[in-house]
Amino acid sequence: KSDQSQDCSKDNTIDLCCFCLLLGSLGQTKNLLVDKMLGRAVVRRLSSLAEPLPKITHGSYRVPNSTGYKKLMERQNLFCREDGTLVWQKSGGDSILYNGTIVFAVVGTILNVGVLWKLISPPKN
């Protein structure tokens, strides 16, 4: 059995024979550590890529040349600019929503205080 497993380790590919050999030896050994190592080796070989991913060099991707992409890049540059404002303060629509939320919170607080004042004060007879 050891000669066949050495043949598998010499060859970088895993064929059905080697896979069956490794699976067959799982559980037959008396050493639990060997079983774990063989199991991990099987999983590692099955989960690895058939061919390695290509090395990525700088500028190897094509950049779209559409108006939508240019608008997106301008928007990203707007949010990445360091001008001392927070992200949610950088566009006009966000500030309108933020200010509207503040106004609704203040109006709601005033109305709740008015209701509580009315409930706390006893009616005059």
N, C-alpha and C. Protein backbone atom coordinates (compact mmCIF):
# COMPACT_ATOMS: atom_id res chain seq x y z
N LYS A 1 0.82 -1.21 0.00
CA LYS A 1 0.00 0.00 0.00
C LYS A 1 0.85 1.26 0.00
N SER A 2 1.98 1.23 0.67
CA SER A 2 2.80 2.44 0.77
C SER A 2 3.42 2.80 -0.57
N ASP A 3 3.74 1.79 -1.42
CA ASP A 3 4.29 2.08 -2.74
C ASP A 3 3.28 2.82 -3.60
N GLN A 4 2.02 2.41 -3.51
CA GLN A 4 0.99 3.06 -4.32
C GLN A 4 0.76 4.49 -3.84
N SER A 5 0.79 4.72 -2.53
CA SER A 5 0.57 6.08 -2.04
C SER A 5 1.75 6.97 -2.39
N GLN A 6 2.97 6.41 -2.46
CA GLN A 6 4.12 7.21 -2.88
C GLN A 6 3.99 7.60 -4.34
N ASP A 7 3.44 6.68 -5.18
CA ASP A 7 3.21 7.01 -6.58
C ASP A 7 2.25 8.18 -6.70
N CYS A 8 1.25 8.21 -5.82
CA CYS A 8 0.28 9.30 -5.87
C CYS A 8 0.93 10.62 -5.48
N SER A 9 1.82 10.59 -4.49
CA SER A 9 2.43 11.84 -4.06
C SER A 9 3.43 12.35 -5.08
N LYS A 10 4.06 11.46 -5.85
CA LYS A 10 4.97 11.90 -6.89
C LYS A 10 4.22 12.60 -8.00
N ASP A 11 3.09 12.05 -8.35
CA ASP A 11 2.28 12.61 -9.42
C ASP A 11 1.43 13.73 -8.82
N ASN A 12 1.33 14.85 -9.45
CA ASN A 12 0.57 15.98 -8.91
C ASN A 12 -0.92 15.84 -9.14
N THR A 13 -1.35 14.87 -9.90
CA THR A 13 -2.77 14.69 -10.14
C THR A 13 -3.29 13.58 -9.26
N ILE A 14 -4.58 13.63 -8.98
CA ILE A 14 -5.20 12.58 -8.18
C ILE A 14 -6.17 11.83 -9.07
N ASP A 15 -5.95 10.54 -9.18
CA ASP A 15 -6.86 9.76 -10.01
C ASP A 15 -7.74 8.93 -9.10
N LEU A 16 -8.63 8.19 -9.67
CA LEU A 16 -9.61 7.43 -8.91
C LEU A 16 -8.94 6.37 -8.05
N CYS A 17 -7.89 5.78 -8.54
CA CYS A 17 -7.19 4.73 -7.80
C CYS A 17 -6.61 5.28 -6.50
N CYS A 18 -5.92 6.40 -6.59
CA CYS A 18 -5.30 7.00 -5.41
C CYS A 18 -6.36 7.48 -4.43
N PHE A 19 -7.44 8.03 -4.96
CA PHE A 19 -8.52 8.50 -4.11
C PHE A 19 -9.13 7.34 -3.33
N CYS A 20 -9.38 6.21 -4.02
CA CYS A 20 -9.94 5.03 -3.35
C CYS A 20 -8.96 4.47 -2.34
N LEU A 21 -7.68 4.51 -2.66
CA LEU A 21 -6.66 4.02 -1.74
C LEU A 21 -6.66 4.84 -0.46
N LEU A 22 -6.72 6.17 -0.60
CA LEU A 22 -6.73 7.03 0.59
C LEU A 22 -8.00 6.84 1.40
N LEU A 23 -9.14 6.74 0.71
CA LEU A 23 -10.39 6.54 1.43
C LEU A 23 -10.43 5.17 2.09
N GLY A 24 -9.87 4.17 1.42
CA GLY A 24 -9.85 2.82 1.99
C GLY A 24 -8.97 2.73 3.21
N SER A 25 -7.91 3.52 3.26
CA SER A 25 -7.01 3.46 4.40
C SER A 25 -7.55 4.23 5.60
N LEU A 26 -8.53 5.09 5.38
CA LEU A 26 -9.14 5.81 6.50
C LEU A 26 -9.91 4.81 7.35
N GLY A 27 -9.69 4.81 8.62
CA GLY A 27 -10.40 3.92 9.52
C GLY A 27 -9.70 2.59 9.70
N GLN A 28 -8.80 2.19 8.80
CA GLN A 28 -8.08 0.94 8.95
C GLN A 28 -6.84 1.11 9.81
N THR A 29 -6.35 2.32 9.88
CA THR A 29 -5.18 2.56 10.72
C THR A 29 -5.63 2.68 12.16
N LYS A 30 -4.71 2.34 13.06
CA LYS A 30 -5.05 2.39 14.48
C LYS A 30 -4.71 3.74 15.09
N ASN A 31 -4.06 4.56 14.32
CA ASN A 31 -3.65 5.86 14.81
C ASN A 31 -4.65 6.91 14.33
N LEU A 32 -5.30 7.57 15.25
CA LEU A 32 -6.31 8.57 14.91
C LEU A 32 -5.68 9.77 14.20
N LEU A 33 -4.46 10.10 14.57
CA LEU A 33 -3.77 11.22 13.94
C LEU A 33 -3.52 10.96 12.46
N VAL A 34 -3.16 9.73 12.12
CA VAL A 34 -2.93 9.39 10.72
C VAL A 34 -4.24 9.48 9.95
N ASP A 35 -5.34 9.01 10.56
CA ASP A 35 -6.64 9.11 9.90
C ASP A 35 -7.00 10.57 9.63
N LYS A 36 -6.77 11.43 10.60
CA LYS A 36 -7.08 12.85 10.42
C LYS A 36 -6.22 13.46 9.32
N MET A 37 -4.95 13.11 9.32
CA MET A 37 -4.05 13.67 8.31
C MET A 37 -4.43 13.20 6.91
N LEU A 38 -4.79 11.91 6.78
CA LEU A 38 -5.20 11.41 5.48
C LEU A 38 -6.51 12.06 5.03
N GLY A 39 -7.44 12.23 5.96
CA GLY A 39 -8.70 12.89 5.62
C GLY A 39 -8.49 14.32 5.17
N ARG A 40 -7.62 15.01 5.86
CA ARG A 40 -7.34 16.40 5.46
C ARG A 40 -6.65 16.46 4.11
N ALA A 41 -5.77 15.49 3.85
CA ALA A 41 -5.08 15.46 2.56
C ALA A 41 -6.08 15.24 1.43
N VAL A 42 -7.05 14.34 1.66
CA VAL A 42 -8.07 14.09 0.63
C VAL A 42 -8.89 15.34 0.38
N VAL A 43 -9.34 15.98 1.45
CA VAL A 43 -10.15 17.18 1.30
C VAL A 43 -9.35 18.29 0.63
N ARG A 44 -8.09 18.43 1.00
CA ARG A 44 -7.25 19.47 0.42
C ARG A 44 -7.04 19.26 -1.08
N ARG A 45 -6.83 18.01 -1.46
CA ARG A 45 -6.61 17.72 -2.88
C ARG A 45 -7.88 17.92 -3.69
N LEU A 46 -9.03 17.56 -3.10
CA LEU A 46 -10.28 17.70 -3.84
C LEU A 46 -10.73 19.15 -3.94
N SER A 47 -10.34 19.97 -2.96
CA SER A 47 -10.81 21.35 -2.97
C SER A 47 -9.83 22.30 -3.66
N SER A 48 -8.67 21.82 -4.09
CA SER A 48 -7.73 22.71 -4.75
C SER A 48 -8.13 22.91 -6.21
N LEU A 49 -7.61 23.95 -6.79
CA LEU A 49 -7.92 24.26 -8.18
C LEU A 49 -7.18 23.32 -9.12
N ALA A 50 -7.81 23.00 -10.24
CA ALA A 50 -7.15 22.17 -11.24
C ALA A 50 -5.97 22.93 -11.84
N GLU A 51 -6.17 24.19 -12.12
CA GLU A 51 -5.10 25.05 -12.63
C GLU A 51 -5.02 26.27 -11.74
N PRO A 52 -3.82 26.72 -11.40
CA PRO A 52 -3.71 27.90 -10.54
C PRO A 52 -4.24 29.15 -11.25
N LEU A 53 -4.72 30.08 -10.45
CA LEU A 53 -5.22 31.34 -11.00
C LEU A 53 -4.06 32.14 -11.58
N PRO A 54 -4.29 32.88 -12.65
CA PRO A 54 -3.20 33.65 -13.24
C PRO A 54 -2.80 34.81 -12.33
N LYS A 55 -1.54 35.18 -12.42
CA LYS A 55 -1.05 36.33 -11.65
C LYS A 55 -1.66 37.60 -12.22
N ILE A 56 -2.08 38.48 -11.33
CA ILE A 56 -2.71 39.72 -11.76
C ILE A 56 -1.64 40.81 -11.80
N THR A 57 -1.51 41.41 -12.94
CA THR A 57 -0.57 42.51 -13.08
C THR A 57 -1.35 43.82 -13.05
N HIS A 58 -0.67 44.90 -12.78
CA HIS A 58 -1.33 46.20 -12.70
C HIS A 58 -1.86 46.60 -14.07
N GLY A 59 -3.12 46.96 -14.13
CA GLY A 59 -3.73 47.43 -15.36
C GLY A 59 -4.11 46.32 -16.32
N SER A 60 -4.29 45.11 -15.81
CA SER A 60 -4.61 44.02 -16.72
C SER A 60 -6.10 43.93 -17.03
N TYR A 61 -6.93 44.69 -16.33
CA TYR A 61 -8.37 44.66 -16.57
C TYR A 61 -8.76 45.80 -17.50
N ARG A 62 -9.74 45.53 -18.34
CA ARG A 62 -10.24 46.59 -19.22
C ARG A 62 -11.15 47.51 -18.41
N VAL A 63 -11.06 48.78 -18.65
CA VAL A 63 -11.88 49.77 -17.97
C VAL A 63 -12.99 50.19 -18.92
N PRO A 64 -14.26 50.14 -18.47
CA PRO A 64 -15.34 50.57 -19.35
C PRO A 64 -15.21 52.05 -19.69
N ASN A 65 -15.66 52.42 -20.88
CA ASN A 65 -15.56 53.80 -21.33
C ASN A 65 -16.95 54.38 -21.57
N SER A 66 -17.89 54.06 -20.70
CA SER A 66 -19.25 54.55 -20.88
C SER A 66 -19.49 55.75 -19.96
N THR A 67 -20.55 56.50 -20.26
CA THR A 67 -20.86 57.68 -19.44
C THR A 67 -21.32 57.27 -18.05
N GLY A 68 -22.02 56.14 -17.95
CA GLY A 68 -22.46 55.67 -16.63
C GLY A 68 -21.29 55.34 -15.73
N TYR A 69 -20.26 54.72 -16.30
CA TYR A 69 -19.07 54.39 -15.52
C TYR A 69 -18.34 55.65 -15.09
N LYS A 70 -18.28 56.65 -15.96
CA LYS A 70 -17.62 57.91 -15.60
C LYS A 70 -18.37 58.62 -14.48
N LYS A 71 -19.72 58.59 -14.53
CA LYS A 71 -20.52 59.19 -13.46
C LYS A 71 -20.28 58.46 -12.14
N LEU A 72 -20.19 57.14 -12.22
CA LEU A 72 -19.92 56.36 -11.02
C LEU A 72 -18.56 56.71 -10.43
N MET A 73 -17.56 56.85 -11.26
CA MET A 73 -16.23 57.20 -10.78
C MET A 73 -16.20 58.60 -10.17
N GLU A 74 -16.94 59.55 -10.77
CA GLU A 74 -17.02 60.89 -10.19
C GLU A 74 -17.69 60.84 -8.82
N ARG A 75 -18.74 60.03 -8.70
CA ARG A 75 -19.44 59.90 -7.42
C ARG A 75 -18.53 59.27 -6.36
N GLN A 76 -17.75 58.27 -6.76
CA GLN A 76 -16.81 57.66 -5.82
C GLN A 76 -15.74 58.67 -5.39
N ASN A 77 -15.26 59.46 -6.33
CA ASN A 77 -14.27 60.48 -5.98
C ASN A 77 -14.86 61.52 -5.04
N LEU A 78 -16.14 61.85 -5.20
CA LEU A 78 -16.81 62.80 -4.31
C LEU A 78 -16.82 62.27 -2.88
N PHE A 79 -17.16 60.99 -2.72
CA PHE A 79 -17.24 60.43 -1.38
C PHE A 79 -15.87 60.12 -0.78
N CYS A 80 -14.85 59.93 -1.60
CA CYS A 80 -13.50 59.64 -1.09
C CYS A 80 -12.71 60.90 -0.77
N ARG A 81 -13.16 62.05 -1.24
CA ARG A 81 -12.45 63.30 -1.03
C ARG A 81 -12.42 63.63 0.47
N GLU A 82 -11.27 64.07 0.95
CA GLU A 82 -11.14 64.43 2.37
C GLU A 82 -11.32 65.93 2.51
N ASP A 83 -12.57 66.35 2.76
CA ASP A 83 -12.86 67.77 2.91
C ASP A 83 -13.42 68.09 4.29
N GLY A 84 -13.30 67.16 5.23
CA GLY A 84 -13.73 67.42 6.60
C GLY A 84 -15.19 67.13 6.87
N THR A 85 -15.96 66.76 5.86
CA THR A 85 -17.36 66.43 6.10
C THR A 85 -17.52 64.92 6.17
N LEU A 86 -18.56 64.50 6.87
CA LEU A 86 -18.85 63.08 6.97
C LEU A 86 -19.47 62.59 5.67
N VAL A 87 -19.51 61.27 5.48
CA VAL A 87 -19.98 60.70 4.22
C VAL A 87 -21.42 61.09 3.96
N TRP A 88 -22.27 61.05 4.98
CA TRP A 88 -23.68 61.35 4.77
C TRP A 88 -23.94 62.83 4.55
N GLN A 89 -22.92 63.68 4.72
CA GLN A 89 -23.08 65.11 4.49
C GLN A 89 -22.57 65.54 3.12
N LYS A 90 -22.05 64.63 2.32
CA LYS A 90 -21.39 65.00 1.07
C LYS A 90 -22.34 65.22 -0.09
N SER A 91 -23.53 64.65 -0.07
CA SER A 91 -24.44 64.89 -1.20
C SER A 91 -25.67 65.64 -0.71
N GLY A 92 -26.30 66.39 -1.61
CA GLY A 92 -27.43 67.24 -1.23
C GLY A 92 -28.65 66.45 -0.78
N GLY A 93 -28.95 65.36 -1.44
CA GLY A 93 -30.12 64.56 -1.07
C GLY A 93 -30.03 63.99 0.33
N ASP A 94 -28.83 63.63 0.73
CA ASP A 94 -28.66 63.08 2.07
C ASP A 94 -28.86 64.15 3.13
N SER A 95 -28.41 65.37 2.86
CA SER A 95 -28.59 66.43 3.86
C SER A 95 -30.06 66.81 4.00
N ILE A 96 -30.83 66.74 2.90
CA ILE A 96 -32.27 67.02 2.98
C ILE A 96 -32.95 65.98 3.86
N LEU A 97 -32.63 64.71 3.66
CA LEU A 97 -33.21 63.66 4.49
C LEU A 97 -32.79 63.81 5.95
N TYR A 98 -31.54 64.14 6.19
CA TYR A 98 -31.06 64.30 7.55
C TYR A 98 -31.77 65.46 8.24
N ASN A 99 -31.85 66.62 7.56
CA ASN A 99 -32.52 67.77 8.16
C ASN A 99 -34.00 67.50 8.37
N GLY A 100 -34.65 66.80 7.44
CA GLY A 100 -36.05 66.43 7.62
C GLY A 100 -36.25 65.55 8.84
N THR A 101 -35.35 64.62 9.07
CA THR A 101 -35.43 63.75 10.24
C THR A 101 -35.28 64.56 11.52
N ILE A 102 -34.38 65.52 11.54
CA ILE A 102 -34.20 66.37 12.72
C ILE A 102 -35.47 67.17 12.99
N VAL A 103 -36.07 67.74 11.93
CA VAL A 103 -37.30 68.54 12.10
C VAL A 103 -38.42 67.67 12.66
N PHE A 104 -38.60 66.46 12.09
CA PHE A 104 -39.66 65.58 12.59
C PHE A 104 -39.42 65.16 14.03
N ALA A 105 -38.16 64.95 14.42
CA ALA A 105 -37.86 64.58 15.80
C ALA A 105 -38.18 65.72 16.75
N VAL A 106 -37.84 66.95 16.37
CA VAL A 106 -38.12 68.11 17.24
C VAL A 106 -39.63 68.33 17.36
N VAL A 107 -40.36 68.27 16.23
CA VAL A 107 -41.82 68.46 16.26
C VAL A 107 -42.47 67.36 17.09
N GLY A 108 -42.03 66.11 16.93
CA GLY A 108 -42.59 65.01 17.71
C GLY A 108 -42.34 65.17 19.19
N THR A 109 -41.15 65.64 19.55
CA THR A 109 -40.84 65.86 20.96
C THR A 109 -41.72 66.96 21.54
N ILE A 110 -41.92 68.05 20.81
CA ILE A 110 -42.77 69.15 21.30
C ILE A 110 -44.21 68.66 21.48
N LEU A 111 -44.73 67.91 20.52
CA LEU A 111 -46.10 67.39 20.64
C LEU A 111 -46.23 66.42 21.82
N ASN A 112 -45.24 65.58 22.04
CA ASN A 112 -45.29 64.65 23.18
C ASN A 112 -45.23 65.39 24.51
N VAL A 113 -44.41 66.43 24.59
CA VAL A 113 -44.35 67.22 25.83
C VAL A 113 -45.69 67.90 26.07
N GLY A 114 -46.33 68.39 25.00
CA GLY A 114 -47.66 69.00 25.15
C GLY A 114 -48.70 68.02 25.66
N VAL A 115 -48.68 66.79 25.14
CA VAL A 115 -49.63 65.77 25.60
C VAL A 115 -49.36 65.42 27.05
N LEU A 116 -48.08 65.25 27.41
CA LEU A 116 -47.75 64.94 28.80
C LEU A 116 -48.16 66.08 29.74
N TRP A 117 -47.96 67.31 29.33
CA TRP A 117 -48.35 68.46 30.16
C TRP A 117 -49.86 68.46 30.38
N LYS A 118 -50.60 68.14 29.33
CA LYS A 118 -52.06 68.10 29.43
C LYS A 118 -52.51 66.98 30.36
N LEU A 119 -51.84 65.83 30.32
CA LEU A 119 -52.22 64.71 31.18
C LEU A 119 -51.79 64.92 32.62
N ILE A 120 -50.70 65.64 32.84
CA ILE A 120 -50.21 65.86 34.20
C ILE A 120 -51.03 66.91 34.92
N SER A 121 -51.37 67.98 34.25
CA SER A 121 -52.09 69.07 34.92
C SER A 121 -53.54 68.66 35.16
N PRO A 122 -54.02 68.85 36.40
CA PRO A 122 -55.40 68.47 36.70
C PRO A 122 -56.39 69.47 36.09
N PRO A 123 -57.57 68.99 35.71
CA PRO A 123 -58.56 69.92 35.15
C PRO A 123 -59.09 70.85 36.24
N LYS A 124 -59.37 72.09 35.88
CA LYS A 124 -59.87 73.07 36.85
C LYS A 124 -61.39 73.00 36.88
N ASN A 125 -61.94 72.93 38.09
CA ASN A 125 -63.39 72.89 38.25
C ASN A 125 -63.96 74.22 38.51
